Amino acid sequence: MFTGLIEGMGRVHAWHKQAEFARLELVANLGDDVPPQLGDSIAVNGCCLTVVACAPATDGWLLAFELSHETLALTAFGKLQPGDRVNLERAMRLGDRLGGHIVTGHVDGLGQRVAVVENDGAFDVTYAVPAELEPELVQKGSVAIDGVSLTVNRLWPGHFLVTLIPHTVAHTQLLDGELGRDVHLETDVLAKNVRRLMALGWQPAGTR
């Protein structure tokens, strides 16, 4: 589990396609001196990946991850290029403050950044969202975009808007690249569970 609060940044070092799998190598700065370990879970742009190799690097750690065909099909990792920045968060520990929201690290789908408007140093950013995820978005609810916990400020058919404060812009890659760039979306786990219960015909006690 994760919180959606980015701990550090990484840069793509290498990308290797291996049959139905791929190997992603990053030079990562995790924001402290605690060395990552083999088997650690790290959210890379919001997708939970397992460290399969780790070595010290000049400006952090050289980390390797193996990506399954399922991960490749549901994410934008296949479009990464050497030098691209990625958001990083290690799995939360019991007893940590939950400063963002509960993030599982399972990408629900891809959105696209379609508009950016600066507003007194902050940025109002509009994303296109797949129709199948719209019912899991709630105005003033939470959404994870490339692993960053954000609040849905506005919601209308096919789109939603979030506001990025300067700190978020400075410590994530959310404004990197051009308009139209794919982003990983994870909707709120509570919204997913409620939607599933409603689909099964569940009704609150006393309303039947």
N, C-alpha and C. Protein backbone atom coordinates (compact mmCIF):
# COMPACT_ATOMS: atom_id res chain seq x y z
N MET A 1 0.84 -1.19 0.00
CA MET A 1 0.00 0.00 0.00
C MET A 1 0.87 1.25 0.00
N PHE A 2 0.33 2.34 -0.55
CA PHE A 2 1.06 3.59 -0.67
C PHE A 2 0.14 4.73 -0.24
N THR A 3 0.70 5.94 -0.18
CA THR A 3 -0.09 7.09 0.25
C THR A 3 -0.29 8.13 -0.86
N GLY A 4 0.46 8.01 -1.95
CA GLY A 4 0.37 9.01 -3.00
C GLY A 4 1.21 10.25 -2.74
N LEU A 5 2.10 10.18 -1.73
CA LEU A 5 3.05 11.26 -1.46
C LEU A 5 4.40 10.85 -2.00
N ILE A 6 4.87 11.56 -3.01
CA ILE A 6 6.09 11.16 -3.72
C ILE A 6 7.32 11.40 -2.83
N GLU A 7 8.16 10.36 -2.71
CA GLU A 7 9.35 10.44 -1.87
C GLU A 7 10.59 10.86 -2.64
N GLY A 8 10.64 10.57 -3.90
CA GLY A 8 11.83 10.88 -4.68
C GLY A 8 11.55 10.74 -6.16
N MET A 9 12.57 10.99 -6.94
CA MET A 9 12.44 10.93 -8.39
C MET A 9 13.46 9.93 -8.95
N GLY A 10 13.14 9.40 -10.10
CA GLY A 10 14.07 8.54 -10.82
C GLY A 10 14.15 8.98 -12.26
N ARG A 11 15.21 8.52 -12.92
CA ARG A 11 15.34 8.74 -14.36
C ARG A 11 15.56 7.40 -15.04
N VAL A 12 14.92 7.23 -16.18
CA VAL A 12 15.06 5.97 -16.90
C VAL A 12 16.50 5.81 -17.38
N HIS A 13 17.12 4.71 -16.98
CA HIS A 13 18.49 4.40 -17.40
C HIS A 13 18.50 3.50 -18.63
N ALA A 14 17.63 2.49 -18.61
CA ALA A 14 17.57 1.57 -19.75
C ALA A 14 16.22 0.87 -19.75
N TRP A 15 15.85 0.40 -20.92
CA TRP A 15 14.58 -0.30 -21.12
C TRP A 15 14.84 -1.47 -22.04
N HIS A 16 14.56 -2.69 -21.58
CA HIS A 16 14.83 -3.88 -22.36
C HIS A 16 13.55 -4.70 -22.50
N LYS A 17 13.15 -4.96 -23.73
CA LYS A 17 11.99 -5.82 -23.99
C LYS A 17 12.49 -7.25 -24.09
N GLN A 18 11.85 -8.15 -23.33
CA GLN A 18 12.25 -9.55 -23.30
C GLN A 18 11.03 -10.43 -23.52
N ALA A 19 10.79 -10.82 -24.78
CA ALA A 19 9.60 -11.61 -25.13
C ALA A 19 8.36 -10.89 -24.59
N GLU A 20 7.59 -11.54 -23.69
CA GLU A 20 6.39 -10.92 -23.15
C GLU A 20 6.68 -10.10 -21.91
N PHE A 21 7.92 -10.07 -21.48
CA PHE A 21 8.30 -9.29 -20.31
C PHE A 21 9.20 -8.13 -20.74
N ALA A 22 9.42 -7.21 -19.82
CA ALA A 22 10.35 -6.11 -20.06
C ALA A 22 11.10 -5.84 -18.77
N ARG A 23 12.28 -5.27 -18.90
CA ARG A 23 13.11 -4.91 -17.75
C ARG A 23 13.32 -3.40 -17.80
N LEU A 24 12.93 -2.74 -16.72
CA LEU A 24 13.07 -1.30 -16.60
C LEU A 24 14.15 -1.00 -15.58
N GLU A 25 15.14 -0.18 -15.98
CA GLU A 25 16.22 0.20 -15.07
C GLU A 25 16.17 1.71 -14.85
N LEU A 26 16.22 2.09 -13.57
CA LEU A 26 16.14 3.50 -13.18
C LEU A 26 17.34 3.87 -12.33
N VAL A 27 17.78 5.11 -12.46
CA VAL A 27 18.66 5.71 -11.45
C VAL A 27 17.75 6.51 -10.54
N ALA A 28 17.68 6.08 -9.27
CA ALA A 28 16.66 6.59 -8.36
C ALA A 28 17.26 7.32 -7.18
N ASN A 29 16.64 8.44 -6.84
CA ASN A 29 16.94 9.16 -5.60
C ASN A 29 15.69 9.09 -4.75
N LEU A 30 15.77 8.35 -3.63
CA LEU A 30 14.59 8.11 -2.81
C LEU A 30 14.46 9.08 -1.65
N GLY A 31 15.32 10.09 -1.61
CA GLY A 31 15.14 11.16 -0.64
C GLY A 31 15.74 10.93 0.72
N ASP A 32 16.39 9.77 0.94
CA ASP A 32 17.04 9.54 2.23
C ASP A 32 18.21 8.58 2.02
N ASP A 33 18.86 8.19 3.11
CA ASP A 33 20.04 7.31 3.03
C ASP A 33 19.71 5.85 3.25
N VAL A 34 18.42 5.50 3.35
CA VAL A 34 18.03 4.12 3.57
C VAL A 34 18.16 3.35 2.26
N PRO A 35 19.04 2.36 2.19
CA PRO A 35 19.24 1.66 0.91
C PRO A 35 18.05 0.79 0.56
N PRO A 36 17.61 0.80 -0.69
CA PRO A 36 16.57 -0.13 -1.12
C PRO A 36 17.11 -1.55 -1.10
N GLN A 37 16.20 -2.51 -0.98
CA GLN A 37 16.57 -3.92 -0.89
C GLN A 37 15.90 -4.71 -2.01
N LEU A 38 16.49 -5.85 -2.36
CA LEU A 38 15.84 -6.76 -3.29
C LEU A 38 14.48 -7.16 -2.73
N GLY A 39 13.48 -7.16 -3.58
CA GLY A 39 12.13 -7.53 -3.15
C GLY A 39 11.30 -6.38 -2.65
N ASP A 40 11.90 -5.19 -2.48
CA ASP A 40 11.12 -4.03 -2.05
C ASP A 40 10.04 -3.70 -3.07
N SER A 41 8.90 -3.23 -2.57
CA SER A 41 7.84 -2.72 -3.44
C SER A 41 8.00 -1.20 -3.55
N ILE A 42 8.08 -0.71 -4.77
CA ILE A 42 8.20 0.72 -5.04
C ILE A 42 7.17 1.10 -6.10
N ALA A 43 6.41 2.14 -5.83
CA ALA A 43 5.47 2.65 -6.82
C ALA A 43 6.23 3.54 -7.80
N VAL A 44 6.27 3.13 -9.05
CA VAL A 44 6.93 3.88 -10.12
C VAL A 44 5.82 4.49 -10.98
N ASN A 45 5.70 5.80 -10.93
CA ASN A 45 4.57 6.48 -11.58
C ASN A 45 3.24 5.83 -11.15
N GLY A 46 3.19 5.46 -9.85
CA GLY A 46 1.96 4.95 -9.30
C GLY A 46 1.71 3.47 -9.49
N CYS A 47 2.61 2.77 -10.17
CA CYS A 47 2.46 1.34 -10.40
C CYS A 47 3.40 0.57 -9.49
N CYS A 48 2.85 -0.33 -8.67
CA CYS A 48 3.66 -1.08 -7.72
C CYS A 48 4.54 -2.09 -8.46
N LEU A 49 5.85 -1.92 -8.33
CA LEU A 49 6.83 -2.81 -8.97
C LEU A 49 7.78 -3.36 -7.91
N THR A 50 8.40 -4.50 -8.21
CA THR A 50 9.30 -5.16 -7.28
C THR A 50 10.75 -4.97 -7.72
N VAL A 51 11.60 -4.57 -6.79
CA VAL A 51 13.03 -4.41 -7.08
C VAL A 51 13.65 -5.79 -7.28
N VAL A 52 14.22 -6.03 -8.48
CA VAL A 52 14.87 -7.32 -8.77
C VAL A 52 16.38 -7.19 -8.84
N ALA A 53 16.89 -5.99 -8.86
CA ALA A 53 18.34 -5.75 -8.82
C ALA A 53 18.57 -4.36 -8.28
N CYS A 54 19.66 -4.19 -7.54
CA CYS A 54 19.93 -2.92 -6.88
C CYS A 54 21.43 -2.74 -6.72
N ALA A 55 21.93 -1.55 -7.08
CA ALA A 55 23.35 -1.26 -6.93
C ALA A 55 23.52 0.24 -6.71
N PRO A 56 24.54 0.65 -5.94
CA PRO A 56 24.78 2.08 -5.76
C PRO A 56 25.11 2.75 -7.09
N ALA A 57 24.66 3.99 -7.24
CA ALA A 57 24.97 4.80 -8.41
C ALA A 57 25.50 6.14 -7.94
N THR A 58 26.08 6.91 -8.85
CA THR A 58 26.69 8.18 -8.49
C THR A 58 25.70 9.12 -7.81
N ASP A 59 24.47 9.16 -8.30
CA ASP A 59 23.48 10.09 -7.76
C ASP A 59 22.26 9.36 -7.22
N GLY A 60 22.48 8.20 -6.59
CA GLY A 60 21.37 7.46 -5.99
C GLY A 60 21.59 5.97 -6.08
N TRP A 61 20.58 5.28 -6.61
CA TRP A 61 20.62 3.83 -6.72
C TRP A 61 20.19 3.42 -8.13
N LEU A 62 20.88 2.42 -8.66
CA LEU A 62 20.45 1.84 -9.93
C LEU A 62 19.53 0.68 -9.60
N LEU A 63 18.26 0.83 -9.93
CA LEU A 63 17.24 -0.17 -9.60
C LEU A 63 16.70 -0.80 -10.88
N ALA A 64 16.43 -2.10 -10.81
CA ALA A 64 15.84 -2.80 -11.95
C ALA A 64 14.53 -3.44 -11.54
N PHE A 65 13.57 -3.42 -12.47
CA PHE A 65 12.24 -3.99 -12.26
C PHE A 65 11.87 -4.82 -13.48
N GLU A 66 11.14 -5.91 -13.25
CA GLU A 66 10.63 -6.71 -14.35
C GLU A 66 9.14 -6.45 -14.50
N LEU A 67 8.70 -6.21 -15.73
CA LEU A 67 7.31 -5.86 -16.00
C LEU A 67 6.66 -6.98 -16.79
N SER A 68 5.53 -7.47 -16.30
CA SER A 68 4.82 -8.55 -16.98
C SER A 68 4.04 -8.01 -18.17
N HIS A 69 3.52 -8.93 -18.98
CA HIS A 69 2.71 -8.51 -20.13
C HIS A 69 1.45 -7.77 -19.67
N GLU A 70 0.90 -8.15 -18.51
CA GLU A 70 -0.28 -7.46 -17.98
C GLU A 70 0.05 -6.02 -17.63
N THR A 71 1.20 -5.81 -16.98
CA THR A 71 1.62 -4.45 -16.63
C THR A 71 1.86 -3.63 -17.88
N LEU A 72 2.50 -4.21 -18.87
CA LEU A 72 2.77 -3.49 -20.11
C LEU A 72 1.48 -3.10 -20.83
N ALA A 73 0.47 -3.97 -20.74
CA ALA A 73 -0.79 -3.70 -21.45
C ALA A 73 -1.59 -2.59 -20.79
N LEU A 74 -1.44 -2.41 -19.47
CA LEU A 74 -2.29 -1.47 -18.74
C LEU A 74 -1.61 -0.17 -18.38
N THR A 75 -0.35 -0.02 -18.74
CA THR A 75 0.40 1.17 -18.36
C THR A 75 1.03 1.85 -19.57
N ALA A 76 1.66 2.99 -19.30
CA ALA A 76 2.36 3.74 -20.36
C ALA A 76 3.86 3.51 -20.30
N PHE A 77 4.31 2.48 -19.57
CA PHE A 77 5.75 2.26 -19.44
C PHE A 77 6.43 2.02 -20.78
N GLY A 78 5.72 1.43 -21.71
CA GLY A 78 6.32 1.15 -23.01
C GLY A 78 6.72 2.39 -23.78
N LYS A 79 6.21 3.57 -23.38
CA LYS A 79 6.56 4.82 -24.06
C LYS A 79 7.73 5.56 -23.41
N LEU A 80 8.23 5.04 -22.28
CA LEU A 80 9.34 5.72 -21.60
C LEU A 80 10.60 5.67 -22.45
N GLN A 81 11.39 6.74 -22.34
CA GLN A 81 12.66 6.85 -23.03
C GLN A 81 13.77 7.11 -22.01
N PRO A 82 15.01 6.69 -22.30
CA PRO A 82 16.11 7.00 -21.38
C PRO A 82 16.16 8.49 -21.06
N GLY A 83 16.28 8.81 -19.79
CA GLY A 83 16.30 10.20 -19.34
C GLY A 83 14.97 10.70 -18.84
N ASP A 84 13.88 10.03 -19.18
CA ASP A 84 12.56 10.45 -18.69
C ASP A 84 12.50 10.34 -17.17
N ARG A 85 11.80 11.28 -16.54
CA ARG A 85 11.65 11.26 -15.09
C ARG A 85 10.43 10.45 -14.68
N VAL A 86 10.53 9.81 -13.52
CA VAL A 86 9.40 9.07 -12.97
C VAL A 86 9.26 9.40 -11.49
N ASN A 87 8.02 9.32 -10.99
CA ASN A 87 7.74 9.53 -9.57
C ASN A 87 7.95 8.23 -8.81
N LEU A 88 8.51 8.33 -7.59
CA LEU A 88 8.81 7.14 -6.80
C LEU A 88 8.25 7.27 -5.39
N GLU A 89 7.68 6.18 -4.89
CA GLU A 89 7.25 6.11 -3.50
C GLU A 89 7.44 4.68 -3.01
N ARG A 90 8.12 4.52 -1.87
CA ARG A 90 8.23 3.20 -1.27
C ARG A 90 6.93 2.84 -0.53
N ALA A 91 6.72 1.53 -0.36
CA ALA A 91 5.51 1.07 0.35
C ALA A 91 5.47 1.67 1.74
N MET A 92 4.26 2.03 2.18
CA MET A 92 4.10 2.62 3.50
C MET A 92 4.33 1.57 4.58
N ARG A 93 4.71 2.02 5.77
CA ARG A 93 4.90 1.15 6.92
C ARG A 93 3.75 1.35 7.89
N LEU A 94 3.39 0.30 8.61
CA LEU A 94 2.37 0.44 9.65
C LEU A 94 2.83 1.48 10.66
N GLY A 95 1.96 2.40 10.98
CA GLY A 95 2.30 3.48 11.90
C GLY A 95 2.66 4.77 11.21
N ASP A 96 2.87 4.72 9.85
CA ASP A 96 3.13 5.96 9.12
C ASP A 96 1.88 6.83 9.09
N ARG A 97 2.09 8.14 9.00
CA ARG A 97 0.96 9.04 8.78
C ARG A 97 0.44 8.85 7.36
N LEU A 98 -0.87 8.82 7.23
CA LEU A 98 -1.49 8.70 5.91
C LEU A 98 -1.81 10.11 5.42
N GLY A 99 -0.80 10.78 4.86
CA GLY A 99 -0.96 12.17 4.48
C GLY A 99 -1.69 12.37 3.17
N GLY A 100 -1.73 11.34 2.31
CA GLY A 100 -2.45 11.45 1.05
C GLY A 100 -3.77 10.71 1.15
N HIS A 101 -3.87 9.57 0.43
CA HIS A 101 -5.01 8.68 0.59
C HIS A 101 -4.52 7.26 0.34
N ILE A 102 -5.36 6.28 0.55
CA ILE A 102 -4.95 4.88 0.36
C ILE A 102 -4.79 4.60 -1.13
N VAL A 103 -3.57 4.28 -1.52
CA VAL A 103 -3.23 3.99 -2.91
C VAL A 103 -2.68 2.57 -2.97
N THR A 104 -3.24 1.74 -3.85
CA THR A 104 -2.83 0.34 -3.91
C THR A 104 -1.63 0.11 -4.82
N GLY A 105 -1.38 1.03 -5.76
CA GLY A 105 -0.32 0.81 -6.74
C GLY A 105 -0.77 -0.02 -7.92
N HIS A 106 -2.09 -0.20 -8.07
CA HIS A 106 -2.65 -0.93 -9.21
C HIS A 106 -3.28 0.07 -10.17
N VAL A 107 -2.72 0.20 -11.35
CA VAL A 107 -3.19 1.19 -12.32
C VAL A 107 -4.53 0.73 -12.90
N ASP A 108 -5.53 1.60 -12.83
CA ASP A 108 -6.86 1.27 -13.35
C ASP A 108 -7.01 1.58 -14.83
N GLY A 109 -6.24 2.54 -15.32
CA GLY A 109 -6.35 2.92 -16.72
C GLY A 109 -5.46 4.11 -17.03
N LEU A 110 -5.49 4.51 -18.28
CA LEU A 110 -4.68 5.64 -18.74
C LEU A 110 -5.57 6.85 -18.99
N GLY A 111 -5.12 8.00 -18.52
CA GLY A 111 -5.75 9.27 -18.87
C GLY A 111 -4.79 10.08 -19.72
N GLN A 112 -5.26 11.20 -20.23
CA GLN A 112 -4.40 12.08 -21.02
C GLN A 112 -4.52 13.51 -20.50
N ARG A 113 -3.37 14.16 -20.35
CA ARG A 113 -3.37 15.57 -19.94
C ARG A 113 -3.72 16.41 -21.15
N VAL A 114 -4.83 17.18 -21.06
CA VAL A 114 -5.32 17.88 -22.24
C VAL A 114 -5.28 19.39 -22.11
N ALA A 115 -5.09 19.92 -20.90
CA ALA A 115 -5.02 21.38 -20.74
C ALA A 115 -4.31 21.71 -19.44
N VAL A 116 -3.53 22.80 -19.49
CA VAL A 116 -2.82 23.31 -18.32
C VAL A 116 -3.00 24.82 -18.29
N VAL A 117 -3.53 25.35 -17.17
CA VAL A 117 -3.74 26.79 -17.03
C VAL A 117 -3.08 27.24 -15.73
N GLU A 118 -2.14 28.21 -15.84
CA GLU A 118 -1.49 28.72 -14.63
C GLU A 118 -2.44 29.68 -13.91
N ASN A 119 -2.44 29.58 -12.58
CA ASN A 119 -3.35 30.39 -11.78
C ASN A 119 -2.63 30.81 -10.50
N ASP A 120 -2.01 32.01 -10.52
CA ASP A 120 -1.29 32.54 -9.35
C ASP A 120 -0.21 31.59 -8.85
N GLY A 121 0.56 31.02 -9.77
CA GLY A 121 1.67 30.14 -9.40
C GLY A 121 1.28 28.68 -9.29
N ALA A 122 -0.01 28.40 -9.17
CA ALA A 122 -0.49 27.02 -9.21
C ALA A 122 -0.93 26.71 -10.64
N PHE A 123 -1.28 25.46 -10.89
CA PHE A 123 -1.66 25.05 -12.23
C PHE A 123 -2.93 24.21 -12.17
N ASP A 124 -3.95 24.66 -12.91
CA ASP A 124 -5.17 23.87 -13.08
C ASP A 124 -4.95 22.96 -14.29
N VAL A 125 -5.02 21.66 -14.05
CA VAL A 125 -4.69 20.69 -15.10
C VAL A 125 -5.91 19.82 -15.37
N THR A 126 -6.28 19.72 -16.64
CA THR A 126 -7.42 18.92 -17.06
C THR A 126 -6.93 17.64 -17.70
N TYR A 127 -7.58 16.54 -17.31
CA TYR A 127 -7.27 15.22 -17.85
C TYR A 127 -8.50 14.62 -18.49
N ALA A 128 -8.31 13.95 -19.62
CA ALA A 128 -9.36 13.11 -20.19
C ALA A 128 -9.31 11.77 -19.47
N VAL A 129 -10.50 11.22 -19.17
CA VAL A 129 -10.58 9.99 -18.40
C VAL A 129 -11.41 8.97 -19.18
N PRO A 130 -11.00 7.70 -19.17
CA PRO A 130 -11.81 6.67 -19.85
C PRO A 130 -13.20 6.58 -19.25
N ALA A 131 -14.20 6.32 -20.09
CA ALA A 131 -15.59 6.28 -19.64
C ALA A 131 -15.80 5.26 -18.53
N GLU A 132 -15.07 4.13 -18.57
CA GLU A 132 -15.30 3.10 -17.56
C GLU A 132 -14.82 3.50 -16.17
N LEU A 133 -13.98 4.54 -16.09
CA LEU A 133 -13.51 4.99 -14.78
C LEU A 133 -14.30 6.17 -14.23
N GLU A 134 -15.10 6.81 -15.06
CA GLU A 134 -15.84 8.00 -14.61
C GLU A 134 -16.69 7.76 -13.36
N PRO A 135 -17.39 6.62 -13.24
CA PRO A 135 -18.21 6.42 -12.05
C PRO A 135 -17.40 6.33 -10.75
N GLU A 136 -16.10 6.15 -10.84
CA GLU A 136 -15.26 6.02 -9.66
C GLU A 136 -14.58 7.34 -9.29
N LEU A 137 -14.93 8.41 -9.97
CA LEU A 137 -14.41 9.73 -9.65
C LEU A 137 -15.52 10.56 -9.00
N VAL A 138 -15.16 11.25 -7.93
CA VAL A 138 -16.12 12.06 -7.18
C VAL A 138 -15.53 13.45 -6.99
N GLN A 139 -16.34 14.48 -7.23
CA GLN A 139 -15.86 15.84 -7.00
C GLN A 139 -15.46 16.01 -5.54
N LYS A 140 -14.25 16.54 -5.32
CA LYS A 140 -13.60 16.68 -4.01
C LYS A 140 -13.16 15.33 -3.43
N GLY A 141 -13.23 14.29 -4.24
CA GLY A 141 -12.67 13.00 -3.85
C GLY A 141 -11.22 12.90 -4.29
N SER A 142 -10.62 11.74 -4.05
CA SER A 142 -9.20 11.55 -4.32
C SER A 142 -8.98 10.75 -5.60
N VAL A 143 -7.87 11.04 -6.25
CA VAL A 143 -7.42 10.27 -7.41
C VAL A 143 -5.89 10.29 -7.39
N ALA A 144 -5.28 9.20 -7.83
CA ALA A 144 -3.82 9.15 -7.96
C ALA A 144 -3.47 9.27 -9.44
N ILE A 145 -2.64 10.27 -9.78
CA ILE A 145 -2.19 10.49 -11.14
C ILE A 145 -0.69 10.28 -11.17
N ASP A 146 -0.23 9.27 -11.91
CA ASP A 146 1.18 8.87 -11.90
C ASP A 146 1.69 8.73 -10.46
N GLY A 147 0.82 8.22 -9.59
CA GLY A 147 1.20 7.96 -8.21
C GLY A 147 1.05 9.11 -7.26
N VAL A 148 0.61 10.27 -7.73
CA VAL A 148 0.48 11.46 -6.89
C VAL A 148 -0.95 11.59 -6.40
N SER A 149 -1.13 11.68 -5.09
CA SER A 149 -2.46 11.84 -4.50
C SER A 149 -2.95 13.26 -4.73
N LEU A 150 -4.09 13.39 -5.41
CA LEU A 150 -4.64 14.69 -5.76
C LEU A 150 -6.15 14.70 -5.52
N THR A 151 -6.71 15.91 -5.44
CA THR A 151 -8.14 16.10 -5.23
C THR A 151 -8.81 16.48 -6.54
N VAL A 152 -9.91 15.81 -6.85
CA VAL A 152 -10.70 16.15 -8.03
C VAL A 152 -11.47 17.44 -7.73
N ASN A 153 -11.06 18.53 -8.36
CA ASN A 153 -11.72 19.82 -8.11
C ASN A 153 -12.97 20.03 -8.96
N ARG A 154 -12.93 19.54 -10.18
CA ARG A 154 -14.09 19.65 -11.06
C ARG A 154 -14.21 18.36 -11.84
N LEU A 155 -15.45 18.03 -12.22
CA LEU A 155 -15.71 16.77 -12.91
C LEU A 155 -16.84 17.00 -13.91
N TRP A 156 -16.61 16.65 -15.16
CA TRP A 156 -17.65 16.72 -16.17
C TRP A 156 -17.43 15.57 -17.14
N PRO A 157 -18.39 15.28 -18.02
CA PRO A 157 -18.30 14.08 -18.84
C PRO A 157 -16.97 13.98 -19.59
N GLY A 158 -16.26 12.89 -19.33
CA GLY A 158 -15.02 12.60 -20.05
C GLY A 158 -13.79 13.30 -19.51
N HIS A 159 -13.94 14.15 -18.50
CA HIS A 159 -12.81 14.95 -18.03
C HIS A 159 -12.90 15.23 -16.53
N PHE A 160 -11.76 15.53 -15.95
CA PHE A 160 -11.73 16.06 -14.59
C PHE A 160 -10.55 17.01 -14.46
N LEU A 161 -10.60 17.85 -13.44
CA LEU A 161 -9.59 18.89 -13.24
C LEU A 161 -9.02 18.79 -11.83
N VAL A 162 -7.69 18.91 -11.74
CA VAL A 162 -7.01 18.99 -10.45
C VAL A 162 -6.15 20.25 -10.45
N THR A 163 -5.77 20.68 -9.26
CA THR A 163 -4.89 21.84 -9.12
C THR A 163 -3.57 21.40 -8.51
N LEU A 164 -2.47 21.75 -9.15
CA LEU A 164 -1.13 21.42 -8.68
C LEU A 164 -0.53 22.65 -8.02
N ILE A 165 -0.18 22.54 -6.74
CA ILE A 165 0.50 23.63 -6.06
C ILE A 165 1.96 23.63 -6.49
N PRO A 166 2.69 24.75 -6.30
CA PRO A 166 4.09 24.81 -6.74
C PRO A 166 4.95 23.68 -6.18
N HIS A 167 4.73 23.26 -4.92
CA HIS A 167 5.53 22.19 -4.33
C HIS A 167 5.36 20.90 -5.13
N THR A 168 4.12 20.59 -5.52
CA THR A 168 3.87 19.38 -6.30
C THR A 168 4.55 19.45 -7.65
N VAL A 169 4.48 20.60 -8.29
CA VAL A 169 5.14 20.77 -9.59
C VAL A 169 6.64 20.58 -9.47
N ALA A 170 7.23 21.10 -8.38
CA ALA A 170 8.68 21.04 -8.21
C ALA A 170 9.17 19.64 -7.87
N HIS A 171 8.32 18.78 -7.29
CA HIS A 171 8.77 17.49 -6.78
C HIS A 171 8.16 16.29 -7.50
N THR A 172 7.52 16.53 -8.64
CA THR A 172 6.97 15.44 -9.44
C THR A 172 7.22 15.74 -10.91
N GLN A 173 6.82 14.80 -11.77
CA GLN A 173 6.98 15.01 -13.22
C GLN A 173 5.64 15.30 -13.90
N LEU A 174 4.64 15.75 -13.13
CA LEU A 174 3.29 15.86 -13.68
C LEU A 174 3.17 16.87 -14.83
N LEU A 175 4.07 17.84 -14.89
CA LEU A 175 4.01 18.79 -16.02
C LEU A 175 5.07 18.50 -17.08
N ASP A 176 5.78 17.39 -16.95
CA ASP A 176 6.76 17.02 -17.98
C ASP A 176 6.03 16.65 -19.27
N GLY A 177 6.70 16.84 -20.40
CA GLY A 177 6.16 16.39 -21.67
C GLY A 177 5.09 17.31 -22.24
N GLU A 178 4.50 16.85 -23.31
CA GLU A 178 3.54 17.64 -24.07
C GLU A 178 2.10 17.31 -23.66
N LEU A 179 1.17 18.17 -24.08
CA LEU A 179 -0.25 17.85 -23.92
C LEU A 179 -0.55 16.55 -24.68
N GLY A 180 -1.45 15.78 -24.13
CA GLY A 180 -1.77 14.50 -24.72
C GLY A 180 -0.99 13.34 -24.12
N ARG A 181 -0.02 13.65 -23.24
CA ARG A 181 0.79 12.59 -22.64
C ARG A 181 -0.09 11.67 -21.79
N ASP A 182 0.13 10.36 -21.92
CA ASP A 182 -0.60 9.39 -21.11
C ASP A 182 -0.13 9.44 -19.67
N VAL A 183 -1.06 9.28 -18.75
CA VAL A 183 -0.75 9.21 -17.32
C VAL A 183 -1.46 8.00 -16.73
N HIS A 184 -0.89 7.47 -15.67
CA HIS A 184 -1.51 6.36 -14.95
C HIS A 184 -2.57 6.89 -13.99
N LEU A 185 -3.75 6.32 -14.03
CA LEU A 185 -4.83 6.71 -13.13
C LEU A 185 -5.16 5.55 -12.19
N GLU A 186 -5.28 5.87 -10.91
CA GLU A 186 -5.84 4.94 -9.95
C GLU A 186 -6.94 5.66 -9.20
N THR A 187 -8.16 5.18 -9.35
CA THR A 187 -9.28 5.80 -8.66
C THR A 187 -9.29 5.36 -7.20
N ASP A 188 -10.12 6.02 -6.41
CA ASP A 188 -10.16 5.76 -4.97
C ASP A 188 -10.69 4.35 -4.71
N VAL A 189 -10.00 3.60 -3.84
CA VAL A 189 -10.38 2.21 -3.57
C VAL A 189 -11.77 2.12 -2.96
N LEU A 190 -12.19 3.11 -2.17
CA LEU A 190 -13.53 3.10 -1.60
C LEU A 190 -14.60 3.22 -2.69
N ALA A 191 -14.33 4.09 -3.67
CA ALA A 191 -15.28 4.24 -4.78
C ALA A 191 -15.40 2.95 -5.57
N LYS A 192 -14.28 2.24 -5.76
CA LYS A 192 -14.32 0.98 -6.48
C LYS A 192 -15.15 -0.05 -5.75
N ASN A 193 -14.97 -0.13 -4.45
CA ASN A 193 -15.71 -1.12 -3.68
C ASN A 193 -17.21 -0.82 -3.67
N VAL A 194 -17.58 0.46 -3.52
CA VAL A 194 -19.00 0.82 -3.54
C VAL A 194 -19.60 0.50 -4.90
N ARG A 195 -18.87 0.81 -5.97
CA ARG A 195 -19.38 0.53 -7.31
C ARG A 195 -19.62 -0.97 -7.49
N ARG A 196 -18.71 -1.79 -7.00
CA ARG A 196 -18.86 -3.24 -7.12
C ARG A 196 -20.07 -3.73 -6.33
N LEU A 197 -20.24 -3.23 -5.12
CA LEU A 197 -21.39 -3.63 -4.31
C LEU A 197 -22.70 -3.25 -4.98
N MET A 198 -22.76 -2.04 -5.56
CA MET A 198 -23.98 -1.61 -6.23
C MET A 198 -24.26 -2.48 -7.46
N ALA A 199 -23.19 -2.86 -8.16
CA ALA A 199 -23.38 -3.72 -9.34
C ALA A 199 -23.94 -5.08 -8.95
N LEU A 200 -23.63 -5.53 -7.73
CA LEU A 200 -24.13 -6.82 -7.23
C LEU A 200 -25.52 -6.70 -6.60
N GLY A 201 -26.07 -5.48 -6.62
CA GLY A 201 -27.41 -5.27 -6.10
C GLY A 201 -27.47 -5.03 -4.62
N TRP A 202 -26.33 -4.73 -3.99
CA TRP A 202 -26.32 -4.48 -2.55
C TRP A 202 -27.10 -3.23 -2.20
N GLN A 203 -27.84 -3.28 -1.09
CA GLN A 203 -28.55 -2.11 -0.57
C GLN A 203 -28.26 -1.98 0.92
N PRO A 204 -28.12 -0.76 1.42
CA PRO A 204 -27.88 -0.59 2.87
C PRO A 204 -28.98 -1.24 3.69
N ALA A 205 -28.62 -1.74 4.86
CA ALA A 205 -29.61 -2.35 5.76
C ALA A 205 -30.71 -1.35 6.08
N GLY A 206 -31.95 -1.81 6.06
CA GLY A 206 -33.08 -0.95 6.36
C GLY A 206 -33.70 -0.28 5.16
N THR A 207 -33.09 -0.49 3.94
CA THR A 207 -33.64 0.16 2.75
C THR A 207 -34.30 -0.87 1.83
N ARG A 208 -34.30 -2.13 2.23
CA ARG A 208 -34.85 -3.17 1.35
C ARG A 208 -36.36 -3.30 1.56
